[in-house]
N, C-alpha and C. Protein backbone atom coordinates (compact mmCIF):
# COMPACT_ATOMS: atom_id res chain seq x y z
N MET A 1 0.64 5.56 8.80
CA MET A 1 2.07 5.48 8.60
C MET A 1 2.43 5.83 7.16
N ILE A 2 1.68 5.29 6.20
CA ILE A 2 1.97 5.59 4.80
C ILE A 2 1.74 7.07 4.53
N ASP A 3 0.65 7.62 5.07
CA ASP A 3 0.37 9.04 4.86
C ASP A 3 1.50 9.91 5.40
N THR A 4 2.00 9.57 6.56
CA THR A 4 3.10 10.34 7.16
C THR A 4 4.35 10.24 6.30
N PHE A 5 4.69 9.05 5.84
CA PHE A 5 5.86 8.86 4.97
C PHE A 5 5.72 9.70 3.70
N VAL A 6 4.55 9.63 3.08
CA VAL A 6 4.29 10.38 1.84
C VAL A 6 4.38 11.88 2.09
N ASP A 7 3.79 12.35 3.20
CA ASP A 7 3.82 13.78 3.51
C ASP A 7 5.24 14.27 3.79
N ILE A 8 5.97 13.55 4.62
CA ILE A 8 7.34 13.96 4.97
C ILE A 8 8.22 14.05 3.73
N ASN A 9 8.04 13.13 2.81
CA ASN A 9 8.86 13.07 1.60
C ASN A 9 8.26 13.82 0.42
N LYS A 10 7.12 14.49 0.66
CA LYS A 10 6.46 15.32 -0.37
C LYS A 10 6.31 14.56 -1.69
N LEU A 11 5.69 13.38 -1.60
CA LEU A 11 5.56 12.51 -2.77
C LEU A 11 4.30 12.75 -3.58
N GLY A 12 3.37 13.53 -3.06
CA GLY A 12 2.16 13.81 -3.81
C GLY A 12 0.91 13.44 -3.04
N SER A 13 -0.18 13.28 -3.78
CA SER A 13 -1.48 13.00 -3.17
C SER A 13 -2.06 11.69 -3.69
N PHE A 14 -2.76 11.02 -2.83
CA PHE A 14 -3.47 9.80 -3.21
C PHE A 14 -4.73 10.16 -3.98
N SER A 15 -5.13 9.29 -4.89
CA SER A 15 -6.42 9.45 -5.56
C SER A 15 -7.08 8.08 -5.62
N TYR A 16 -8.40 8.09 -5.57
CA TYR A 16 -9.15 6.83 -5.55
C TYR A 16 -9.21 6.24 -6.95
N ASP A 17 -8.96 4.95 -7.05
CA ASP A 17 -9.07 4.22 -8.31
C ASP A 17 -10.06 3.08 -8.10
N SER A 18 -11.24 3.21 -8.69
CA SER A 18 -12.29 2.22 -8.48
C SER A 18 -11.92 0.84 -9.04
N LYS A 19 -11.08 0.81 -10.06
CA LYS A 19 -10.66 -0.47 -10.64
C LYS A 19 -9.94 -1.33 -9.60
N TYR A 20 -9.15 -0.68 -8.75
CA TYR A 20 -8.38 -1.39 -7.73
C TYR A 20 -8.95 -1.23 -6.32
N LYS A 21 -10.10 -0.57 -6.21
CA LYS A 21 -10.76 -0.37 -4.92
C LYS A 21 -9.78 0.18 -3.89
N SER A 22 -8.95 1.13 -4.32
CA SER A 22 -7.87 1.63 -3.47
C SER A 22 -7.59 3.10 -3.74
N GLU A 23 -6.99 3.73 -2.75
CA GLU A 23 -6.37 5.02 -2.96
C GLU A 23 -4.94 4.71 -3.38
N LEU A 24 -4.51 5.31 -4.49
CA LEU A 24 -3.19 5.01 -5.05
C LEU A 24 -2.36 6.27 -5.19
N LEU A 25 -1.07 6.09 -5.10
CA LEU A 25 -0.10 7.14 -5.37
C LEU A 25 1.12 6.48 -5.98
N THR A 26 1.55 6.96 -7.12
CA THR A 26 2.77 6.47 -7.76
C THR A 26 3.84 7.53 -7.62
N ALA A 27 5.01 7.13 -7.17
CA ALA A 27 6.12 8.06 -6.96
C ALA A 27 7.42 7.39 -7.37
N THR A 28 8.46 8.19 -7.49
CA THR A 28 9.80 7.67 -7.77
C THR A 28 10.68 7.95 -6.56
N ILE A 29 11.29 6.90 -6.05
CA ILE A 29 12.20 7.02 -4.91
C ILE A 29 13.51 6.36 -5.31
N ASP A 30 14.59 7.13 -5.28
CA ASP A 30 15.92 6.61 -5.69
C ASP A 30 15.85 5.90 -7.04
N ASP A 31 15.21 6.55 -8.00
CA ASP A 31 15.08 6.05 -9.37
C ASP A 31 14.25 4.77 -9.49
N GLU A 32 13.49 4.43 -8.46
CA GLU A 32 12.61 3.26 -8.49
C GLU A 32 11.16 3.72 -8.44
N LYS A 33 10.34 3.13 -9.29
CA LYS A 33 8.91 3.41 -9.26
C LYS A 33 8.30 2.69 -8.05
N VAL A 34 7.57 3.45 -7.24
CA VAL A 34 6.93 2.89 -6.05
C VAL A 34 5.44 3.19 -6.13
N ILE A 35 4.62 2.18 -5.91
CA ILE A 35 3.17 2.36 -5.91
C ILE A 35 2.69 2.17 -4.48
N PHE A 36 2.12 3.23 -3.92
CA PHE A 36 1.53 3.16 -2.59
C PHE A 36 0.05 2.85 -2.78
N CYS A 37 -0.42 1.85 -2.09
CA CYS A 37 -1.80 1.39 -2.25
C CYS A 37 -2.45 1.30 -0.88
N LYS A 38 -3.57 2.01 -0.73
CA LYS A 38 -4.35 1.92 0.50
C LYS A 38 -5.71 1.33 0.12
N PRO A 39 -5.85 0.00 0.24
CA PRO A 39 -7.12 -0.62 -0.13
C PRO A 39 -8.28 -0.02 0.67
N GLN A 40 -9.39 0.17 0.00
CA GLN A 40 -10.58 0.72 0.65
C GLN A 40 -11.63 -0.38 0.83
N THR A 41 -11.14 -1.58 1.04
CA THR A 41 -11.99 -2.74 1.27
C THR A 41 -11.88 -3.12 2.75
N TYR A 42 -12.70 -4.04 3.18
CA TYR A 42 -12.51 -4.59 4.52
C TYR A 42 -11.17 -5.31 4.54
N MET A 43 -10.54 -5.33 5.72
CA MET A 43 -9.19 -5.89 5.84
C MET A 43 -9.09 -7.30 5.26
N ASN A 44 -10.08 -8.14 5.54
CA ASN A 44 -10.01 -9.51 5.05
C ASN A 44 -10.28 -9.62 3.55
N ARG A 45 -10.57 -8.50 2.89
CA ARG A 45 -10.79 -8.48 1.44
C ARG A 45 -9.73 -7.62 0.74
N SER A 46 -8.67 -7.25 1.43
CA SER A 46 -7.66 -6.38 0.82
C SER A 46 -6.98 -7.02 -0.38
N GLY A 47 -6.95 -8.34 -0.42
CA GLY A 47 -6.40 -9.04 -1.58
C GLY A 47 -7.17 -8.75 -2.85
N ASP A 48 -8.48 -8.42 -2.70
CA ASP A 48 -9.29 -8.06 -3.87
C ASP A 48 -8.77 -6.77 -4.51
N ALA A 49 -8.09 -5.96 -3.74
CA ALA A 49 -7.52 -4.72 -4.26
C ALA A 49 -6.07 -4.92 -4.71
N VAL A 50 -5.30 -5.61 -3.90
CA VAL A 50 -3.86 -5.74 -4.15
C VAL A 50 -3.55 -6.70 -5.30
N ALA A 51 -4.23 -7.82 -5.37
CA ALA A 51 -3.93 -8.83 -6.41
C ALA A 51 -4.07 -8.28 -7.83
N PRO A 52 -5.18 -7.60 -8.19
CA PRO A 52 -5.27 -7.08 -9.56
C PRO A 52 -4.21 -6.01 -9.85
N LEU A 53 -3.88 -5.21 -8.85
CA LEU A 53 -2.86 -4.19 -9.02
C LEU A 53 -1.50 -4.84 -9.28
N ALA A 54 -1.16 -5.84 -8.49
CA ALA A 54 0.11 -6.56 -8.67
C ALA A 54 0.15 -7.26 -10.02
N GLN A 55 -0.97 -7.84 -10.42
CA GLN A 55 -1.02 -8.53 -11.71
C GLN A 55 -0.83 -7.55 -12.86
N PHE A 56 -1.52 -6.41 -12.81
CA PHE A 56 -1.42 -5.43 -13.88
C PHE A 56 0.00 -4.90 -14.03
N TYR A 57 0.64 -4.58 -12.91
CA TYR A 57 1.98 -4.00 -12.94
C TYR A 57 3.08 -5.06 -12.90
N LYS A 58 2.69 -6.34 -12.91
CA LYS A 58 3.65 -7.46 -12.86
C LYS A 58 4.58 -7.35 -11.65
N ILE A 59 3.96 -7.11 -10.49
CA ILE A 59 4.69 -7.01 -9.23
C ILE A 59 4.69 -8.38 -8.57
N THR A 60 5.87 -8.88 -8.27
CA THR A 60 5.96 -10.19 -7.62
C THR A 60 5.75 -10.04 -6.11
N PRO A 61 5.31 -11.10 -5.44
CA PRO A 61 5.09 -11.00 -4.00
C PRO A 61 6.31 -10.52 -3.23
N LYS A 62 7.51 -10.89 -3.67
CA LYS A 62 8.72 -10.45 -2.94
C LYS A 62 8.92 -8.94 -3.02
N ASP A 63 8.24 -8.28 -3.94
CA ASP A 63 8.37 -6.83 -4.09
C ASP A 63 7.21 -6.07 -3.44
N ILE A 64 6.40 -6.77 -2.67
CA ILE A 64 5.27 -6.14 -1.98
C ILE A 64 5.59 -6.08 -0.49
N ILE A 65 5.41 -4.90 0.09
CA ILE A 65 5.56 -4.73 1.53
C ILE A 65 4.19 -4.35 2.08
N VAL A 66 3.72 -5.11 3.05
CA VAL A 66 2.43 -4.86 3.67
C VAL A 66 2.66 -4.28 5.06
N ILE A 67 2.02 -3.16 5.33
CA ILE A 67 2.08 -2.54 6.65
C ILE A 67 0.69 -2.70 7.26
N HIS A 68 0.65 -3.28 8.45
CA HIS A 68 -0.67 -3.50 9.07
C HIS A 68 -0.57 -3.48 10.58
N ASP A 69 -1.73 -3.38 11.19
CA ASP A 69 -1.80 -3.49 12.64
C ASP A 69 -2.53 -4.78 12.99
N GLU A 70 -2.59 -5.08 14.24
CA GLU A 70 -3.30 -6.27 14.72
C GLU A 70 -4.09 -5.87 15.95
N ILE A 71 -5.23 -6.47 16.14
CA ILE A 71 -6.04 -6.17 17.31
C ILE A 71 -5.31 -6.52 18.60
N ASP A 72 -4.40 -7.50 18.54
CA ASP A 72 -3.67 -7.93 19.73
C ASP A 72 -2.45 -7.06 20.04
N PHE A 73 -2.10 -6.15 19.13
CA PHE A 73 -0.94 -5.28 19.36
C PHE A 73 -1.31 -4.16 20.33
N VAL A 74 -0.31 -3.72 21.08
CA VAL A 74 -0.52 -2.52 21.90
C VAL A 74 -0.63 -1.33 20.96
N THR A 75 -1.29 -0.29 21.41
CA THR A 75 -1.48 0.90 20.60
C THR A 75 -0.14 1.43 20.10
N GLY A 76 -0.07 1.72 18.80
CA GLY A 76 1.13 2.28 18.20
C GLY A 76 2.06 1.25 17.59
N ARG A 77 1.83 -0.02 17.82
CA ARG A 77 2.69 -1.06 17.25
C ARG A 77 2.14 -1.48 15.89
N ILE A 78 3.04 -1.72 14.94
CA ILE A 78 2.66 -2.18 13.61
C ILE A 78 3.49 -3.39 13.24
N ALA A 79 3.15 -3.99 12.12
CA ALA A 79 3.94 -5.11 11.61
C ALA A 79 4.20 -4.87 10.13
N LEU A 80 5.34 -5.31 9.66
CA LEU A 80 5.69 -5.26 8.24
C LEU A 80 5.83 -6.68 7.75
N LYS A 81 5.28 -6.94 6.57
CA LYS A 81 5.42 -8.26 5.96
C LYS A 81 5.86 -8.07 4.52
N VAL A 82 6.84 -8.83 4.10
CA VAL A 82 7.28 -8.82 2.71
C VAL A 82 6.71 -10.06 2.05
N GLY A 83 6.16 -9.85 0.84
CA GLY A 83 5.59 -10.98 0.11
C GLY A 83 4.21 -11.23 0.58
């Protein structure tokens, strides 16, 4: 979903950052800096990638949107969580 959004809006390319164990892309949308983060950790360890990134950039939980799937979801369904 993130890749499709980035491609449709021609926001650039992701690059791997070992410090954050993630593929990252920084873009500007409506004059706001947006950091797209695709953790390259196991799902239950994604906080190991997101927490240091949020701390470095001083991003509060209310400004984080998590897009994820669930094993119990039907194919194609996703969930969004803020914070």
